[in-house]
Amino acid sequence: MALKWSTFILAFTTVTSFDDGHKHEIRGVTGPAIALPDGGHYHKFHGVTTVNGSHPHSHKYSGNTSPSS
């Protein structure tokens, strides 16, 4: 049975650059696909970074992906 495109979510991790003498690991997830009138879709995403830096800190982030083509 094939999954509908609107049911998938994604998990992701990556590492930031080494600017300012430190880096952060980024972890996050996307929400389900949100349909667009032209037949494409986009996802909302959110996550948090690890605590790093000479003044230990983390970052929360959220946004939308670009639309599929």
C-alpha atoms as a PDB file:
ATOM      1  CA  MET A   1       0.000   0.000   0.000  1.00  0.00           C
ATOM      2  CA  ALA A   2       1.479   3.365  -1.004  1.00  0.00           C
ATOM      3  CA  LEU A   3       1.565   6.209   1.509  1.00  0.00           C
ATOM      4  CA  LYS A   4      -0.223   9.425   0.667  1.00  0.00           C
ATOM      5  CA  TRP A   5       2.247  12.287   0.180  1.00  0.00           C
ATOM      6  CA  SER A   6       0.354  14.331   2.779  1.00  0.00           C
ATOM      7  CA  THR A   7       1.120  11.893   5.613  1.00  0.00           C
ATOM      8  CA  PHE A   8       4.908  12.018   5.818  1.00  0.00           C
ATOM      9  CA  ILE A   9       7.073  13.890   8.321  1.00  0.00           C
ATOM     10  CA  LEU A  10      10.867  14.172   8.396  1.00  0.00           C
ATOM     11  CA  ALA A  11      13.470  14.206  11.158  1.00  0.00           C
ATOM     12  CA  PHE A  12      16.821  15.898  10.522  1.00  0.00           C
ATOM     13  CA  THR A  13      20.175  16.636  12.147  1.00  0.00           C
ATOM     14  CA  THR A  14      23.188  18.638  11.001  1.00  0.00           C
ATOM     15  CA  VAL A  15      26.037  20.724  12.447  1.00  0.00           C
ATOM     16  CA  THR A  16      26.484  24.492  12.065  1.00  0.00           C
ATOM     17  CA  SER A  17      29.715  26.096  10.909  1.00  0.00           C
ATOM     18  CA  PHE A  18      32.553  26.884  13.309  1.00  0.00           C
ATOM     19  CA  ASP A  19      32.025  30.672  13.310  1.00  0.00           C
ATOM     20  CA  ASP A  20      32.814  32.526  16.544  1.00  0.00           C
ATOM     21  CA  GLY A  21      34.808  29.556  17.841  1.00  0.00           C
ATOM     22  CA  HIS A  22      31.919  27.158  18.408  1.00  0.00           C
ATOM     23  CA  LYS A  23      29.383  24.988  16.640  1.00  0.00           C
ATOM     24  CA  HIS A  24      25.923  23.619  17.369  1.00  0.00           C
ATOM     25  CA  GLU A  25      24.277  20.347  16.461  1.00  0.00           C
ATOM     26  CA  ILE A  26      20.821  21.058  15.042  1.00  0.00           C
ATOM     27  CA  ARG A  27      17.960  18.598  15.528  1.00  0.00           C
ATOM     28  CA  GLY A  28      14.437  19.049  14.335  1.00  0.00           C
ATOM     29  CA  VAL A  29      11.330  17.659  12.682  1.00  0.00           C
ATOM     30  CA  THR A  30       8.941  18.741   9.991  1.00  0.00           C
ATOM     31  CA  GLY A  31       5.196  18.552  10.277  1.00  0.00           C
ATOM     32  CA  PRO A  32       2.990  16.819   7.740  1.00  0.00           C
ATOM     33  CA  ALA A  33       2.769  18.194   4.216  1.00  0.00           C
ATOM     34  CA  ILE A  34       0.472  21.191   3.744  1.00  0.00           C
ATOM     35  CA  ALA A  35      -1.155  21.218   0.308  1.00  0.00           C
ATOM     36  CA  LEU A  36      -0.880  24.224  -1.999  1.00  0.00           C
ATOM     37  CA  PRO A  37      -3.453  25.204  -4.648  1.00  0.00           C
ATOM     38  CA  ASP A  38      -1.013  24.380  -7.486  1.00  0.00           C
ATOM     39  CA  GLY A  39      -0.686  20.756  -6.346  1.00  0.00           C
ATOM     40  CA  GLY A  40       2.627  21.252  -4.479  1.00  0.00           C
ATOM     41  CA  HIS A  41       3.139  21.279  -0.745  1.00  0.00           C
ATOM     42  CA  TYR A  42       5.325  22.661   2.046  1.00  0.00           C
ATOM     43  CA  HIS A  43       6.144  21.711   5.649  1.00  0.00           C
ATOM     44  CA  LYS A  44       6.393  23.620   8.915  1.00  0.00           C
ATOM     45  CA  PHE A  45       9.528  22.735  10.901  1.00  0.00           C
ATOM     46  CA  HIS A  46      10.942  23.320  14.389  1.00  0.00           C
ATOM     47  CA  GLY A  47      13.823  22.238  16.565  1.00  0.00           C
ATOM     48  CA  VAL A  48      16.565  23.156  18.993  1.00  0.00           C
ATOM     49  CA  THR A  49      20.366  23.166  18.983  1.00  0.00           C
ATOM     50  CA  THR A  50      22.791  21.673  21.456  1.00  0.00           C
ATOM     51  CA  VAL A  51      24.238  23.892  24.217  1.00  0.00           C
ATOM     52  CA  ASN A  52      27.687  25.148  23.132  1.00  0.00           C
ATOM     53  CA  GLY A  53      29.931  28.199  23.090  1.00  0.00           C
ATOM     54  CA  SER A  54      32.191  30.083  25.510  1.00  0.00           C
ATOM     55  CA  HIS A  55      28.960  31.437  26.986  1.00  0.00           C
ATOM     56  CA  PRO A  56      26.947  28.191  26.834  1.00  0.00           C
ATOM     57  CA  HIS A  57      23.701  28.729  24.960  1.00  0.00           C
ATOM     58  CA  SER A  58      21.265  26.996  22.616  1.00  0.00           C
ATOM     59  CA  HIS A  59      18.850  28.179  19.955  1.00  0.00           C
ATOM     60  CA  LYS A  60      15.220  27.293  19.224  1.00  0.00           C
ATOM     61  CA  TYR A  61      14.028  27.759  15.650  1.00  0.00           C
ATOM     62  CA  SER A  62      10.979  27.254  13.461  1.00  0.00           C
ATOM     63  CA  GLY A  63       9.757  28.111   9.996  1.00  0.00           C
ATOM     64  CA  ASN A  64       8.414  26.791   6.715  1.00  0.00           C
ATOM     65  CA  THR A  65      10.178  24.869   3.974  1.00  0.00           C
ATOM     66  CA  SER A  66      10.121  26.212   0.455  1.00  0.00           C
ATOM     67  CA  PRO A  67       7.265  24.853  -1.672  1.00  0.00           C
ATOM     68  CA  SER A  68       7.787  21.648  -3.642  1.00  0.00           C
ATOM     69  CA  SER A  69       8.050  22.078  -7.377  1.00  0.00           C
END
